[in-house]
Protein backbone atom coordinates (compact mmCIF):
# COMPACT_ATOMS: atom_id res chain seq x y z
CA MET A 1 90.92 151.79 78.09
CA GLU A 2 87.28 151.91 77.47
CA LEU A 3 84.13 150.24 78.74
CA ASN A 4 81.75 149.76 75.82
CA GLY A 5 82.74 153.01 74.09
CA VAL A 6 82.68 154.81 77.63
CA GLY A 7 85.81 155.90 79.34
CA TRP A 8 86.69 154.84 83.20
CA ILE A 9 85.91 158.41 84.50
CA ALA A 10 82.50 158.41 82.44
CA ALA A 11 81.73 155.11 83.67
CA ILE A 12 82.02 156.18 87.30
CA ILE A 13 79.82 159.30 86.66
CA ILE A 14 77.25 157.15 84.67
CA GLY A 15 77.52 154.48 87.13
CA GLY A 16 76.71 156.81 89.97
CA LEU A 17 73.74 158.38 88.09
CA ALA A 18 72.43 154.81 87.06
CA GLY A 19 72.80 153.81 90.86
CA TRP A 20 71.04 157.01 91.98
CA PHE A 21 68.17 156.51 89.64
CA ALA A 22 67.83 152.53 90.65
CA GLU A 23 67.84 153.93 94.26
CA MET A 24 64.92 156.44 93.67
CA PHE A 25 63.02 153.93 91.54
CA MET A 26 63.57 150.93 94.05
CA LYS A 27 63.05 153.37 97.13
CA SER A 28 66.14 152.36 98.91
CA ASN A 29 68.53 154.50 100.94
CA MET A 30 72.15 153.47 100.04
CA GLY A 31 74.14 156.46 99.78
CA LEU A 32 76.28 158.11 97.17
CA PHE A 33 79.34 155.48 97.27
CA MET A 34 76.97 152.49 97.18
CA ASN A 35 75.00 154.14 94.42
CA ILE A 36 78.21 154.24 92.08
CA ILE A 37 79.16 150.65 93.28
CA LEU A 38 75.63 149.40 92.27
CA GLY A 39 75.61 151.12 89.06
CA ILE A 40 78.95 150.04 87.92
CA VAL A 41 78.85 146.65 89.19
CA GLY A 42 75.07 146.28 87.94
CA ALA A 43 76.40 147.50 84.36
CA ALA A 44 79.06 144.98 84.56
CA LEU A 45 76.90 142.04 85.58
CA LEU A 46 74.19 142.88 83.00
CA ASN A 47 76.99 143.37 80.22
CA PHE A 48 78.22 140.01 81.00
CA ILE A 49 74.95 138.46 80.98
CA LEU A 50 73.71 140.15 77.78
CA GLY A 51 77.11 139.79 76.08
CA SER A 52 78.23 136.25 76.97
CA LEU A 53 74.96 134.38 77.40
CA LEU A 54 72.59 136.13 75.07
CA ASN A 55 75.17 137.58 72.52
CA VAL A 56 73.84 141.03 72.79
CA GLY A 57 76.15 144.05 72.74
CA TYR A 58 75.80 147.79 73.22
CA THR A 59 77.94 150.87 73.13
CA GLY A 60 77.68 154.62 74.30
CA TRP A 61 76.91 156.34 77.50
CA ILE A 62 73.00 156.06 77.20
CA ALA A 63 73.10 152.42 76.85
CA TYR A 64 75.56 152.02 79.81
CA LEU A 65 73.19 154.25 81.85
CA ILE A 66 70.32 152.08 80.97
CA ILE A 67 72.06 148.84 81.65
CA GLY A 68 73.58 150.37 84.75
CA PHE A 69 70.15 151.19 86.04
CA ILE A 70 68.63 147.71 85.22
CA GLY A 71 71.65 146.03 86.75
CA ALA A 72 71.42 148.23 89.74
CA CYS A 73 67.70 147.47 90.30
CA ILE A 74 68.67 143.78 90.04
CA LEU A 75 71.42 143.98 92.62
CA ILE A 76 69.07 146.02 95.08
CA ALA A 77 66.25 143.44 94.64
CA LEU A 78 68.75 140.64 95.17
CA GLY A 79 70.21 142.32 98.28
CA ARG A 80 66.39 142.79 99.63
CA MET A 81 65.89 139.01 98.98
CA LEU A 82 68.99 137.84 100.82
CA ARG A 83 68.12 140.20 103.92
CA ARG A 84 64.70 138.83 104.12
CA GLY A 85 65.94 135.21 103.94
CA SER A 86 68.39 135.55 106.86
């Protein structure tokens, strides 16, 4: 089973890198496991938004890394907004 041209193991590794890059960029301190989760969930979320709502698709590990990074940054920003709001 493939995720936009990237296998599951590669998706975990690339998601971890994307989450780590987002953590460095957003200056958050989440830890390795949360980096992987944020990268994968961020990529899946942004892939859904781009694919379903905007009808844009991508394939390959570089695109997955970029989409994961952007998605993870969005999730970190949303998490900060929710924490400040409560």
